Amino acid sequence: MRRAGVADIPWDQPATMIDLEGRAPIIGTIRDCAMHFGLYKPHAKTQARILLTKPVHRAGRATRTWILDPEEIAQLTTRLESEG
């Protein structure tokens, strides 16, 4: 059985995008966060994190986690662009 991962997070799942520099968070859905991430400049992308409302499996980890890192957010942005 395949574990659900970043690619399986539903677009309408509530989430909060934060950055490590303390800017105001973006509270919305995974779709909202992915759209905003796509607009960020490279430095801002490295500082971004998404806090999930439901934990997700991440490759290389034994347990599910509540935070997505920039590489995983980039995967969501790519998925959003491919789905149109």
C-alpha atoms as a PDB file:
ATOM      1  CA  MET A   1       0.000   0.000   0.000  1.00  0.00           C
ATOM      2  CA  ARG A   2       1.330   3.430  -0.996  1.00  0.00           C
ATOM      3  CA  ARG A   3       1.516   6.106   1.681  1.00  0.00           C
ATOM      4  CA  ALA A   4      -0.211   9.391   1.004  1.00  0.00           C
ATOM      5  CA  GLY A   5       2.278  12.193   0.466  1.00  0.00           C
ATOM      6  CA  VAL A   6       2.514  15.812  -0.620  1.00  0.00           C
ATOM      7  CA  ALA A   7       1.007  15.032  -4.026  1.00  0.00           C
ATOM      8  CA  ASP A   8      -2.118  13.691  -2.325  1.00  0.00           C
ATOM      9  CA  ILE A   9      -2.951  16.730  -0.182  1.00  0.00           C
ATOM     10  CA  PRO A  10      -6.367  18.033  -1.280  1.00  0.00           C
ATOM     11  CA  TRP A  11      -6.371  21.586  -2.609  1.00  0.00           C
ATOM     12  CA  ASP A  12      -9.142  22.661  -0.243  1.00  0.00           C
ATOM     13  CA  GLN A  13      -7.372  21.488   2.942  1.00  0.00           C
ATOM     14  CA  PRO A  14      -6.915  24.426   5.337  1.00  0.00           C
ATOM     15  CA  ALA A  15      -3.286  25.456   5.819  1.00  0.00           C
ATOM     16  CA  THR A  16      -1.118  28.352   6.951  1.00  0.00           C
ATOM     17  CA  MET A  17       1.988  29.566   5.152  1.00  0.00           C
ATOM     18  CA  ILE A  18       4.611  31.106   7.396  1.00  0.00           C
ATOM     19  CA  ASP A  19       8.140  32.290   6.825  1.00  0.00           C
ATOM     20  CA  LEU A  20      11.151  32.145   9.070  1.00  0.00           C
ATOM     21  CA  GLU A  21      11.608  35.923   8.947  1.00  0.00           C
ATOM     22  CA  GLY A  22       8.332  36.659  10.723  1.00  0.00           C
ATOM     23  CA  ARG A  23       6.176  38.188   7.978  1.00  0.00           C
ATOM     24  CA  ALA A  24       2.412  37.940   8.344  1.00  0.00           C
ATOM     25  CA  PRO A  25       1.158  34.386   7.671  1.00  0.00           C
ATOM     26  CA  ILE A  26      -1.141  33.448   4.810  1.00  0.00           C
ATOM     27  CA  ILE A  27      -4.132  31.582   6.197  1.00  0.00           C
ATOM     28  CA  GLY A  28      -6.173  29.770   3.579  1.00  0.00           C
ATOM     29  CA  THR A  29      -6.049  26.508   1.680  1.00  0.00           C
ATOM     30  CA  ILE A  30      -3.206  24.460   0.259  1.00  0.00           C
ATOM     31  CA  ARG A  31      -4.114  25.962  -3.140  1.00  0.00           C
ATOM     32  CA  ASP A  32      -3.809  29.512  -1.756  1.00  0.00           C
ATOM     33  CA  CYS A  33      -0.419  28.718  -0.246  1.00  0.00           C
ATOM     34  CA  ALA A  34       0.880  27.104  -3.450  1.00  0.00           C
ATOM     35  CA  MET A  35      -0.291  30.077  -5.531  1.00  0.00           C
ATOM     36  CA  HIS A  36       1.441  32.579  -3.241  1.00  0.00           C
ATOM     37  CA  PHE A  37       4.614  30.493  -3.097  1.00  0.00           C
ATOM     38  CA  GLY A  38       4.788  30.601  -6.898  1.00  0.00           C
ATOM     39  CA  LEU A  39       4.914  34.408  -6.718  1.00  0.00           C
ATOM     40  CA  TYR A  40       7.666  34.605  -4.109  1.00  0.00           C
ATOM     41  CA  LYS A  41      11.202  35.689  -4.949  1.00  0.00           C
ATOM     42  CA  PRO A  42      13.908  33.016  -4.474  1.00  0.00           C
ATOM     43  CA  HIS A  43      14.986  34.256  -1.023  1.00  0.00           C
ATOM     44  CA  ALA A  44      11.405  34.287   0.250  1.00  0.00           C
ATOM     45  CA  LYS A  45      10.879  30.736  -1.082  1.00  0.00           C
ATOM     46  CA  THR A  46      13.769  29.436   1.019  1.00  0.00           C
ATOM     47  CA  GLN A  47      12.128  30.914   4.129  1.00  0.00           C
ATOM     48  CA  ALA A  48       8.580  29.597   3.493  1.00  0.00           C
ATOM     49  CA  ARG A  49       6.929  26.742   5.381  1.00  0.00           C
ATOM     50  CA  ILE A  50       3.356  25.435   5.347  1.00  0.00           C
ATOM     51  CA  LEU A  51       1.667  24.341   8.553  1.00  0.00           C
ATOM     52  CA  LEU A  52      -0.865  21.618   7.804  1.00  0.00           C
ATOM     53  CA  THR A  53      -4.145  20.878   9.534  1.00  0.00           C
ATOM     54  CA  LYS A  54      -3.611  17.140   8.884  1.00  0.00           C
ATOM     55  CA  PRO A  55      -0.169  15.534   9.027  1.00  0.00           C
ATOM     56  CA  VAL A  56       1.267  13.970   5.873  1.00  0.00           C
ATOM     57  CA  HIS A  57       3.806  11.240   5.172  1.00  0.00           C
ATOM     58  CA  ARG A  58       7.156  12.501   3.946  1.00  0.00           C
ATOM     59  CA  ALA A  59       9.725  10.357   2.170  1.00  0.00           C
ATOM     60  CA  GLY A  60      12.540   9.279   4.436  1.00  0.00           C
ATOM     61  CA  ARG A  61      10.579   9.810   7.652  1.00  0.00           C
ATOM     62  CA  ALA A  62       9.041   7.119   9.799  1.00  0.00           C
ATOM     63  CA  THR A  63       6.225   9.350  11.039  1.00  0.00           C
ATOM     64  CA  ARG A  64       3.880  11.878   9.482  1.00  0.00           C
ATOM     65  CA  THR A  65       4.664  15.567   9.922  1.00  0.00           C
ATOM     66  CA  TRP A  66       2.742  18.836  10.184  1.00  0.00           C
ATOM     67  CA  ILE A  67       5.159  21.103   8.281  1.00  0.00           C
ATOM     68  CA  LEU A  68       6.083  21.239   4.597  1.00  0.00           C
ATOM     69  CA  ASP A  69       9.491  22.559   3.572  1.00  0.00           C
ATOM     70  CA  PRO A  70      10.226  24.713   0.499  1.00  0.00           C
ATOM     71  CA  GLU A  71      11.025  21.739  -1.752  1.00  0.00           C
ATOM     72  CA  GLU A  72       7.660  20.177  -0.952  1.00  0.00           C
ATOM     73  CA  ILE A  73       5.821  23.461  -1.446  1.00  0.00           C
ATOM     74  CA  ALA A  74       7.528  23.736  -4.843  1.00  0.00           C
ATOM     75  CA  GLN A  75       6.099  20.290  -5.685  1.00  0.00           C
ATOM     76  CA  LEU A  76       2.629  21.608  -4.875  1.00  0.00           C
ATOM     77  CA  THR A  77       3.216  24.664  -7.068  1.00  0.00           C
ATOM     78  CA  THR A  78       4.314  22.421  -9.950  1.00  0.00           C
ATOM     79  CA  ARG A  79       1.228  20.255  -9.443  1.00  0.00           C
ATOM     80  CA  LEU A  80      -0.997  23.342  -9.435  1.00  0.00           C
ATOM     81  CA  GLU A  81       0.530  24.592 -12.684  1.00  0.00           C
ATOM     82  CA  SER A  82       0.176  21.194 -14.366  1.00  0.00           C
ATOM     83  CA  GLU A  83      -3.460  20.849 -13.326  1.00  0.00           C
ATOM     84  CA  GLY A  84      -4.269  24.321 -14.620  1.00  0.00           C
END
